[in-house]
Amino acid sequence: MDSGEFNPGRIRWDCRRGIKEAEYLLLPFFDRYFADLTLEQKRAFVLLLKEQDVDLFEWFTLRSEPEDEVLRNMVRLIMDRCASSS
């Protein structure tokens, strides 16, 4: 997947979640930062969106961390960026 293969409308839609706590982080992060991410970070973000809502909730509430290093780094990036923009 290269940068031309990212469909912003689809990715933004996938940021909408059943658990609002995850959506409150994912949508603003996507709107503010996605365009400036590296290709690898964009891939990690899209990969993160494939995870279950319950897992995202656990990760974003710091109850646990993803086992996968790529996902763990993306969760940390989202948390850092959202904390600094508050």
PDB file of N, CA and C in Angstrom:
ATOM      1  N   MET A   1       0.860  -1.176   0.000  1.00  0.00           N
ATOM      2  CA  MET A   1       0.000   0.000   0.000  1.00  0.00           C
ATOM      3  C   MET A   1       0.901   1.232   0.000  1.00  0.00           C
ATOM      4  N   ASP A   2       0.765   2.081  -1.003  1.00  0.00           N
ATOM      5  CA  ASP A   2       1.533   3.324  -0.997  1.00  0.00           C
ATOM      6  C   ASP A   2       0.606   4.477  -0.659  1.00  0.00           C
ATOM      7  N   SER A   3       1.165   5.674  -0.557  1.00  0.00           N
ATOM      8  CA  SER A   3       0.369   6.815  -0.093  1.00  0.00           C
ATOM      9  C   SER A   3      -0.811   7.100  -1.005  1.00  0.00           C
ATOM     10  N   GLY A   4      -0.731   6.733  -2.290  1.00  0.00           N
ATOM     11  CA  GLY A   4      -1.848   6.935  -3.204  1.00  0.00           C
ATOM     12  C   GLY A   4      -2.994   5.968  -2.976  1.00  0.00           C
ATOM     13  N   GLU A   5      -2.741   4.923  -2.203  1.00  0.00           N
ATOM     14  CA  GLU A   5      -3.770   3.912  -1.962  1.00  0.00           C
ATOM     15  C   GLU A   5      -4.627   4.201  -0.743  1.00  0.00           C
ATOM     16  N   PHE A   6      -4.307   5.233  -0.002  1.00  0.00           N
ATOM     17  CA  PHE A   6      -5.109   5.574   1.179  1.00  0.00           C
ATOM     18  C   PHE A   6      -6.343   6.335   0.739  1.00  0.00           C
ATOM     19  N   ASN A   7      -7.486   5.866   1.171  1.00  0.00           N
ATOM     20  CA  ASN A   7      -8.749   6.516   0.865  1.00  0.00           C
ATOM     21  C   ASN A   7      -9.180   7.276   2.112  1.00  0.00           C
ATOM     22  N   PRO A   8      -8.965   8.597   2.144  1.00  0.00           N
ATOM     23  CA  PRO A   8      -9.268   9.369   3.356  1.00  0.00           C
ATOM     24  C   PRO A   8     -10.708   9.233   3.826  1.00  0.00           C
ATOM     25  N   GLY A   9     -11.644   9.184   2.904  1.00  0.00           N
ATOM     26  CA  GLY A   9     -13.042   9.040   3.299  1.00  0.00           C
ATOM     27  C   GLY A   9     -13.306   7.718   3.990  1.00  0.00           C
ATOM     28  N   ARG A  10     -12.716   6.665   3.473  1.00  0.00           N
ATOM     29  CA  ARG A  10     -12.875   5.337   4.061  1.00  0.00           C
ATOM     30  C   ARG A  10     -12.203   5.258   5.429  1.00  0.00           C
ATOM     31  N   ILE A  11     -11.002   5.821   5.509  1.00  0.00           N
ATOM     32  CA  ILE A  11     -10.274   5.785   6.782  1.00  0.00           C
ATOM     33  C   ILE A  11     -11.024   6.584   7.833  1.00  0.00           C
ATOM     34  N   ARG A  12     -11.524   7.759   7.444  1.00  0.00           N
ATOM     35  CA  ARG A  12     -12.282   8.584   8.404  1.00  0.00           C
ATOM     36  C   ARG A  12     -13.525   7.839   8.872  1.00  0.00           C
ATOM     37  N   TRP A  13     -14.195   7.174   7.950  1.00  0.00           N
ATOM     38  CA  TRP A  13     -15.379   6.392   8.308  1.00  0.00           C
ATOM     39  C   TRP A  13     -15.016   5.290   9.303  1.00  0.00           C
ATOM     40  N   ASP A  14     -13.878   4.640   9.080  1.00  0.00           N
ATOM     41  CA  ASP A  14     -13.440   3.567   9.970  1.00  0.00           C
ATOM     42  C   ASP A  14     -13.041   4.079  11.355  1.00  0.00           C
ATOM     43  N   CYS A  15     -12.798   5.385  11.474  1.00  0.00           N
ATOM     44  CA  CYS A  15     -12.501   5.977  12.788  1.00  0.00           C
ATOM     45  C   CYS A  15     -13.747   6.037  13.667  1.00  0.00           C
ATOM     46  N   ARG A  16     -14.909   5.956  13.050  1.00  0.00           N
ATOM     47  CA  ARG A  16     -16.158   5.957  13.816  1.00  0.00           C
ATOM     48  C   ARG A  16     -16.294   4.607  14.492  1.00  0.00           C
ATOM     49  N   ARG A  17     -16.500   4.630  15.786  1.00  0.00           N
ATOM     50  CA  ARG A  17     -16.510   3.398  16.562  1.00  0.00           C
ATOM     51  C   ARG A  17     -17.742   3.317  17.443  1.00  0.00           C
ATOM     52  N   GLY A  18     -18.065   2.105  17.857  1.00  0.00           N
ATOM     53  CA  GLY A  18     -19.170   1.897  18.778  1.00  0.00           C
ATOM     54  C   GLY A  18     -18.846   2.387  20.182  1.00  0.00           C
ATOM     55  N   ILE A  19     -17.575   2.395  20.510  1.00  0.00           N
ATOM     56  CA  ILE A  19     -17.136   2.895  21.808  1.00  0.00           C
ATOM     57  C   ILE A  19     -16.655   4.322  21.603  1.00  0.00           C
ATOM     58  N   LYS A  20     -17.380   5.258  22.148  1.00  0.00           N
ATOM     59  CA  LYS A  20     -17.108   6.681  21.892  1.00  0.00           C
ATOM     60  C   LYS A  20     -15.742   7.133  22.390  1.00  0.00           C
ATOM     61  N   GLU A  21     -15.231   6.517  23.442  1.00  0.00           N
ATOM     62  CA  GLU A  21     -13.916   6.911  23.953  1.00  0.00           C
ATOM     63  C   GLU A  21     -12.839   6.720  22.883  1.00  0.00           C
ATOM     64  N   ALA A  22     -12.959   5.674  22.104  1.00  0.00           N
ATOM     65  CA  ALA A  22     -12.000   5.441  21.015  1.00  0.00           C
ATOM     66  C   ALA A  22     -12.238   6.434  19.885  1.00  0.00           C
ATOM     67  N   GLU A  23     -13.478   6.655  19.559  1.00  0.00           N
ATOM     68  CA  GLU A  23     -13.811   7.588  18.474  1.00  0.00           C
ATOM     69  C   GLU A  23     -13.349   9.012  18.795  1.00  0.00           C
ATOM     70  N   TYR A  24     -13.445   9.404  20.042  1.00  0.00           N
ATOM     71  CA  TYR A  24     -13.033  10.756  20.447  1.00  0.00           C
ATOM     72  C   TYR A  24     -11.541  10.988  20.267  1.00  0.00           C
ATOM     73  N   LEU A  25     -10.756   9.931  20.217  1.00  0.00           N
ATOM     74  CA  LEU A  25      -9.324  10.063  19.936  1.00  0.00           C
ATOM     75  C   LEU A  25      -9.024   9.865  18.453  1.00  0.00           C
ATOM     76  N   LEU A  26      -9.653   8.871  17.849  1.00  0.00           N
ATOM     77  CA  LEU A  26      -9.323   8.526  16.473  1.00  0.00           C
ATOM     78  C   LEU A  26      -9.706   9.608  15.466  1.00  0.00           C
ATOM     79  N   LEU A  27     -10.915  10.133  15.559  1.00  0.00           N
ATOM     80  CA  LEU A  27     -11.350  11.146  14.584  1.00  0.00           C
ATOM     81  C   LEU A  27     -10.512  12.415  14.628  1.00  0.00           C
ATOM     82  N   PRO A  28     -10.305  13.014  15.797  1.00  0.00           N
ATOM     83  CA  PRO A  28      -9.462  14.218  15.822  1.00  0.00           C
ATOM     84  C   PRO A  28      -8.029  13.940  15.372  1.00  0.00           C
ATOM     85  N   PHE A  29      -7.488  12.782  15.764  1.00  0.00           N
ATOM     86  CA  PHE A  29      -6.137  12.439  15.338  1.00  0.00           C
ATOM     87  C   PHE A  29      -6.080  12.344  13.815  1.00  0.00           C
ATOM     88  N   PHE A  30      -7.050  11.663  13.244  1.00  0.00           N
ATOM     89  CA  PHE A  30      -7.077  11.537  11.789  1.00  0.00           C
ATOM     90  C   PHE A  30      -7.173  12.912  11.131  1.00  0.00           C
ATOM     91  N   ASP A  31      -8.108  13.724  11.590  1.00  0.00           N
ATOM     92  CA  ASP A  31      -8.326  15.044  10.979  1.00  0.00           C
ATOM     93  C   ASP A  31      -7.103  15.954  11.094  1.00  0.00           C
ATOM     94  N   ARG A  32      -6.409  15.904  12.211  1.00  0.00           N
ATOM     95  CA  ARG A  32      -5.297  16.831  12.450  1.00  0.00           C
ATOM     96  C   ARG A  32      -3.945  16.324  11.959  1.00  0.00           C
ATOM     97  N   TYR A  33      -3.716  15.022  12.051  1.00  0.00           N
ATOM     98  CA  TYR A  33      -2.350  14.519  11.891  1.00  0.00           C
ATOM     99  C   TYR A  33      -2.126  13.509  10.772  1.00  0.00           C
ATOM    100  N   PHE A  34      -3.163  12.850  10.300  1.00  0.00           N
ATOM    101  CA  PHE A  34      -2.951  11.754   9.356  1.00  0.00           C
ATOM    102  C   PHE A  34      -2.168  12.185   8.114  1.00  0.00           C
ATOM    103  N   ALA A  35      -2.499  13.295   7.543  1.00  0.00           N
ATOM    104  CA  ALA A  35      -1.844  13.742   6.307  1.00  0.00           C
ATOM    105  C   ALA A  35      -0.341  13.915   6.474  1.00  0.00           C
ATOM    106  N   ASP A  36       0.110  14.223   7.680  1.00  0.00           N
ATOM    107  CA  ASP A  36       1.532  14.470   7.926  1.00  0.00           C
ATOM    108  C   ASP A  36       2.299  13.236   8.419  1.00  0.00           C
ATOM    109  N   LEU A  37       1.626  12.116   8.580  1.00  0.00           N
ATOM    110  CA  LEU A  37       2.297  10.908   9.039  1.00  0.00           C
ATOM    111  C   LEU A  37       3.187  10.335   7.941  1.00  0.00           C
ATOM    112  N   THR A  38       4.192   9.584   8.353  1.00  0.00           N
ATOM    113  CA  THR A  38       5.012   8.854   7.391  1.00  0.00           C
ATOM    114  C   THR A  38       4.161   7.735   6.790  1.00  0.00           C
ATOM    115  N   LEU A  39       4.631   7.164   5.721  1.00  0.00           N
ATOM    116  CA  LEU A  39       3.921   6.052   5.097  1.00  0.00           C
ATOM    117  C   LEU A  39       3.755   4.895   6.076  1.00  0.00           C
ATOM    118  N   GLU A  40       4.796   4.597   6.829  1.00  0.00           N
ATOM    119  CA  GLU A  40       4.724   3.505   7.809  1.00  0.00           C
ATOM    120  C   GLU A  40       3.704   3.804   8.905  1.00  0.00           C
ATOM    121  N   GLN A  41       3.660   5.059   9.335  1.00  0.00           N
ATOM    122  CA  GLN A  41       2.689   5.438  10.369  1.00  0.00           C
ATOM    123  C   GLN A  41       1.268   5.375   9.824  1.00  0.00           C
ATOM    124  N   LYS A  42       1.080   5.764   8.579  1.00  0.00           N
ATOM    125  CA  LYS A  42      -0.255   5.661   7.966  1.00  0.00           C
ATOM    126  C   LYS A  42      -0.693   4.206   7.910  1.00  0.00           C
ATOM    127  N   ARG A  43       0.221   3.351   7.522  1.00  0.00           N
ATOM    128  CA  ARG A  43      -0.102   1.920   7.482  1.00  0.00           C
ATOM    129  C   ARG A  43      -0.458   1.409   8.876  1.00  0.00           C
ATOM    130  N   ALA A  44       0.278   1.846   9.876  1.00  0.00           N
ATOM    131  CA  ALA A  44       0.009   1.424  11.257  1.00  0.00           C
ATOM    132  C   ALA A  44      -1.360   1.928  11.717  1.00  0.00           C
ATOM    133  N   PHE A  45      -1.707   3.154  11.354  1.00  0.00           N
ATOM    134  CA  PHE A  45      -3.006   3.703  11.738  1.00  0.00           C
ATOM    135  C   PHE A  45      -4.135   2.889  11.108  1.00  0.00           C
ATOM    136  N   VAL A  46      -4.010   2.598   9.820  1.00  0.00           N
ATOM    137  CA  VAL A  46      -5.029   1.792   9.133  1.00  0.00           C
ATOM    138  C   VAL A  46      -5.104   0.408   9.756  1.00  0.00           C
ATOM    139  N   LEU A  47      -3.981  -0.168  10.107  1.00  0.00           N
ATOM    140  CA  LEU A  47      -3.955  -1.465  10.780  1.00  0.00           C
ATOM    141  C   LEU A  47      -4.645  -1.388  12.138  1.00  0.00           C
ATOM    142  N   LEU A  48      -4.402  -0.323  12.871  1.00  0.00           N
ATOM    143  CA  LEU A  48      -5.036  -0.132  14.174  1.00  0.00           C
ATOM    144  C   LEU A  48      -6.557  -0.103  14.046  1.00  0.00           C
ATOM    145  N   LEU A  49      -7.048   0.495  12.988  1.00  0.00           N
ATOM    146  CA  LEU A  49      -8.500   0.604  12.798  1.00  0.00           C
ATOM    147  C   LEU A  49      -9.171  -0.744  12.571  1.00  0.00           C
ATOM    148  N   LYS A  50      -8.390  -1.768  12.296  1.00  0.00           N
ATOM    149  CA  LYS A  50      -8.949  -3.110  12.109  1.00  0.00           C
ATOM    150  C   LYS A  50      -9.138  -3.843  13.430  1.00  0.00           C
ATOM    151  N   GLU A  51      -8.647  -3.258  14.505  1.00  0.00           N
ATOM    152  CA  GLU A  51      -8.756  -3.895  15.823  1.00  0.00           C
ATOM    153  C   GLU A  51     -10.167  -3.723  16.396  1.00  0.00           C
ATOM    154  N   GLN A  52     -10.488  -4.585  17.339  1.00  0.00           N
ATOM    155  CA  GLN A  52     -11.796  -4.561  17.990  1.00  0.00           C
ATOM    156  C   GLN A  52     -11.932  -3.341  18.907  1.00  0.00           C
ATOM    157  N   ASP A  53     -13.154  -2.828  19.008  1.00  0.00           N
ATOM    158  CA  ASP A  53     -13.415  -1.664  19.858  1.00  0.00           C
ATOM    159  C   ASP A  53     -12.984  -1.901  21.305  1.00  0.00           C
ATOM    160  N   VAL A  54     -13.251  -3.083  21.815  1.00  0.00           N
ATOM    161  CA  VAL A  54     -12.910  -3.365  23.211  1.00  0.00           C
ATOM    162  C   VAL A  54     -11.397  -3.279  23.422  1.00  0.00           C
ATOM    163  N   ASP A  55     -10.618  -3.722  22.442  1.00  0.00           N
ATOM    164  CA  ASP A  55      -9.164  -3.619  22.559  1.00  0.00           C
ATOM    165  C   ASP A  55      -8.722  -2.159  22.498  1.00  0.00           C
ATOM    166  N   LEU A  56      -9.293  -1.403  21.572  1.00  0.00           N
ATOM    167  CA  LEU A  56      -8.962   0.029  21.486  1.00  0.00           C
ATOM    168  C   LEU A  56      -9.283   0.728  22.799  1.00  0.00           C
ATOM    169  N   PHE A  57     -10.421   0.411  23.370  1.00  0.00           N
ATOM    170  CA  PHE A  57     -10.809   1.010  24.645  1.00  0.00           C
ATOM    171  C   PHE A  57      -9.773   0.697  25.725  1.00  0.00           C
ATOM    172  N   GLU A  58      -9.368  -0.550  25.815  1.00  0.00           N
ATOM    173  CA  GLU A  58      -8.366  -0.951  26.811  1.00  0.00           C
ATOM    174  C   GLU A  58      -7.057  -0.204  26.602  1.00  0.00           C
ATOM    175  N   TRP A  59      -6.646  -0.069  25.365  1.00  0.00           N
ATOM    176  CA  TRP A  59      -5.374   0.591  25.064  1.00  0.00           C
ATOM    177  C   TRP A  59      -5.444   2.089  25.318  1.00  0.00           C
ATOM    178  N   PHE A  60      -6.537   2.719  24.915  1.00  0.00           N
ATOM    179  CA  PHE A  60      -6.658   4.168  25.076  1.00  0.00           C
ATOM    180  C   PHE A  60      -6.960   4.589  26.503  1.00  0.00           C
ATOM    181  N   THR A  61      -7.413   3.669  27.323  1.00  0.00           N
ATOM    182  CA  THR A  61      -7.621   3.979  28.740  1.00  0.00           C
ATOM    183  C   THR A  61      -6.451   3.475  29.588  1.00  0.00           C
ATOM    184  N   LEU A  62      -5.391   3.056  28.928  1.00  0.00           N
ATOM    185  CA  LEU A  62      -4.139   2.624  29.561  1.00  0.00           C
ATOM    186  C   LEU A  62      -4.316   1.414  30.475  1.00  0.00           C
ATOM    187  N   ARG A  63      -5.315   0.609  30.204  1.00  0.00           N
ATOM    188  CA  ARG A  63      -5.523  -0.619  30.983  1.00  0.00           C
ATOM    189  C   ARG A  63      -4.629  -1.744  30.472  1.00  0.00           C
ATOM    190  N   SER A  64      -4.238  -1.636  29.216  1.00  0.00           N
ATOM    191  CA  SER A  64      -3.311  -2.601  28.626  1.00  0.00           C
ATOM    192  C   SER A  64      -2.665  -1.951  27.414  1.00  0.00           C
ATOM    193  N   GLU A  65      -1.741  -2.676  26.791  1.00  0.00           N
ATOM    194  CA  GLU A  65      -1.062  -2.196  25.590  1.00  0.00           C
ATOM    195  C   GLU A  65      -1.125  -3.286  24.529  1.00  0.00           C
ATOM    196  N   PRO A  66      -1.088  -2.881  23.273  1.00  0.00           N
ATOM    197  CA  PRO A  66      -1.029  -3.903  22.222  1.00  0.00           C
ATOM    198  C   PRO A  66       0.259  -4.717  22.336  1.00  0.00           C
ATOM    199  N   GLU A  67       0.174  -5.984  22.054  1.00  0.00           N
ATOM    200  CA  GLU A  67       1.374  -6.820  22.035  1.00  0.00           C
ATOM    201  C   GLU A  67       2.243  -6.475  20.831  1.00  0.00           C
ATOM    202  N   ASP A  68       1.614  -6.144  19.722  1.00  0.00           N
ATOM    203  CA  ASP A  68       2.331  -5.801  18.501  1.00  0.00           C
ATOM    204  C   ASP A  68       3.011  -4.439  18.660  1.00  0.00           C
ATOM    205  N   GLU A  69       4.302  -4.393  18.411  1.00  0.00           N
ATOM    206  CA  GLU A  69       5.067  -3.152  18.602  1.00  0.00           C
ATOM    207  C   GLU A  69       4.582  -2.025  17.697  1.00  0.00           C
ATOM    208  N   VAL A  70       4.214  -2.336  16.474  1.00  0.00           N
ATOM    209  CA  VAL A  70       3.738  -1.317  15.536  1.00  0.00           C
ATOM    210  C   VAL A  70       2.464  -0.677  16.073  1.00  0.00           C
ATOM    211  N   LEU A  71       1.532  -1.508  16.533  1.00  0.00           N
ATOM    212  CA  LEU A  71       0.284  -0.975  17.095  1.00  0.00           C
ATOM    213  C   LEU A  71       0.545  -0.224  18.394  1.00  0.00           C
ATOM    214  N   ARG A  72       1.428  -0.758  19.215  1.00  0.00           N
ATOM    215  CA  ARG A  72       1.761  -0.093  20.481  1.00  0.00           C
ATOM    216  C   ARG A  72       2.316   1.313  20.219  1.00  0.00           C
ATOM    217  N   ASN A  73       3.199   1.428  19.250  1.00  0.00           N
ATOM    218  CA  ASN A  73       3.763   2.738  18.914  1.00  0.00           C
ATOM    219  C   ASN A  73       2.708   3.687  18.376  1.00  0.00           C
ATOM    220  N   MET A  74       1.764   3.176  17.595  1.00  0.00           N
ATOM    221  CA  MET A  74       0.705   4.039  17.061  1.00  0.00           C
ATOM    222  C   MET A  74      -0.219   4.507  18.182  1.00  0.00           C
ATOM    223  N   VAL A  75      -0.566   3.615  19.093  1.00  0.00           N
ATOM    224  CA  VAL A  75      -1.410   4.011  20.232  1.00  0.00           C
ATOM    225  C   VAL A  75      -0.706   5.107  21.033  1.00  0.00           C
ATOM    226  N   ARG A  76       0.567   4.945  21.280  1.00  0.00           N
ATOM    227  CA  ARG A  76       1.326   5.963  22.025  1.00  0.00           C
ATOM    228  C   ARG A  76       1.362   7.287  21.274  1.00  0.00           C
ATOM    229  N   LEU A  77       1.545   7.223  19.962  1.00  0.00           N
ATOM    230  CA  LEU A  77       1.562   8.449  19.163  1.00  0.00           C
ATOM    231  C   LEU A  77       0.215   9.167  19.246  1.00  0.00           C
ATOM    232  N   ILE A  78      -0.857   8.423  19.114  1.00  0.00           N
ATOM    233  CA  ILE A  78      -2.199   9.017  19.208  1.00  0.00           C
ATOM    234  C   ILE A  78      -2.400   9.644  20.580  1.00  0.00           C
ATOM    235  N   MET A  79      -2.045   8.911  21.613  1.00  0.00           N
ATOM    236  CA  MET A  79      -2.218   9.425  22.972  1.00  0.00           C
ATOM    237  C   MET A  79      -1.367  10.681  23.197  1.00  0.00           C
ATOM    238  N   ASP A  80      -0.137  10.668  22.734  1.00  0.00           N
ATOM    239  CA  ASP A  80       0.751  11.830  22.898  1.00  0.00           C
ATOM    240  C   ASP A  80       0.220  13.039  22.147  1.00  0.00           C
ATOM    241  N   ARG A  81      -0.170  12.835  20.911  1.00  0.00           N
ATOM    242  CA  ARG A  81      -0.646  13.966  20.098  1.00  0.00           C
ATOM    243  C   ARG A  81      -1.956  14.524  20.629  1.00  0.00           C
ATOM    244  N   CYS A  82      -2.843  13.645  21.055  1.00  0.00           N
ATOM    245  CA  CYS A  82      -4.134  14.112  21.577  1.00  0.00           C
ATOM    246  C   CYS A  82      -3.955  14.808  22.916  1.00  0.00           C
ATOM    247  N   ALA A  83      -3.014  14.350  23.727  1.00  0.00           N
ATOM    248  CA  ALA A  83      -2.750  14.997  25.020  1.00  0.00           C
ATOM    249  C   ALA A  83      -2.145  16.372  24.803  1.00  0.00           C
ATOM    250  N   SER A  84      -1.278  16.514  23.823  1.00  0.00           N
ATOM    251  CA  SER A  84      -0.622  17.800  23.602  1.00  0.00           C
ATOM    252  C   SER A  84      -1.533  18.808  22.907  1.00  0.00           C
ATOM    253  N   SER A  85      -2.619  18.329  22.284  1.00  0.00           N
ATOM    254  CA  SER A  85      -3.530  19.261  21.614  1.00  0.00           C
ATOM    255  C   SER A  85      -4.708  19.659  22.490  1.00  0.00           C
ATOM    256  N   SER A  86      -4.750  19.116  23.699  1.00  0.00           N
ATOM    257  CA  SER A  86      -5.870  19.429  24.619  1.00  0.00           C
ATOM    258  C   SER A  86      -5.695  20.792  25.246  1.00  0.00           C
TER     259      SER A  86
END
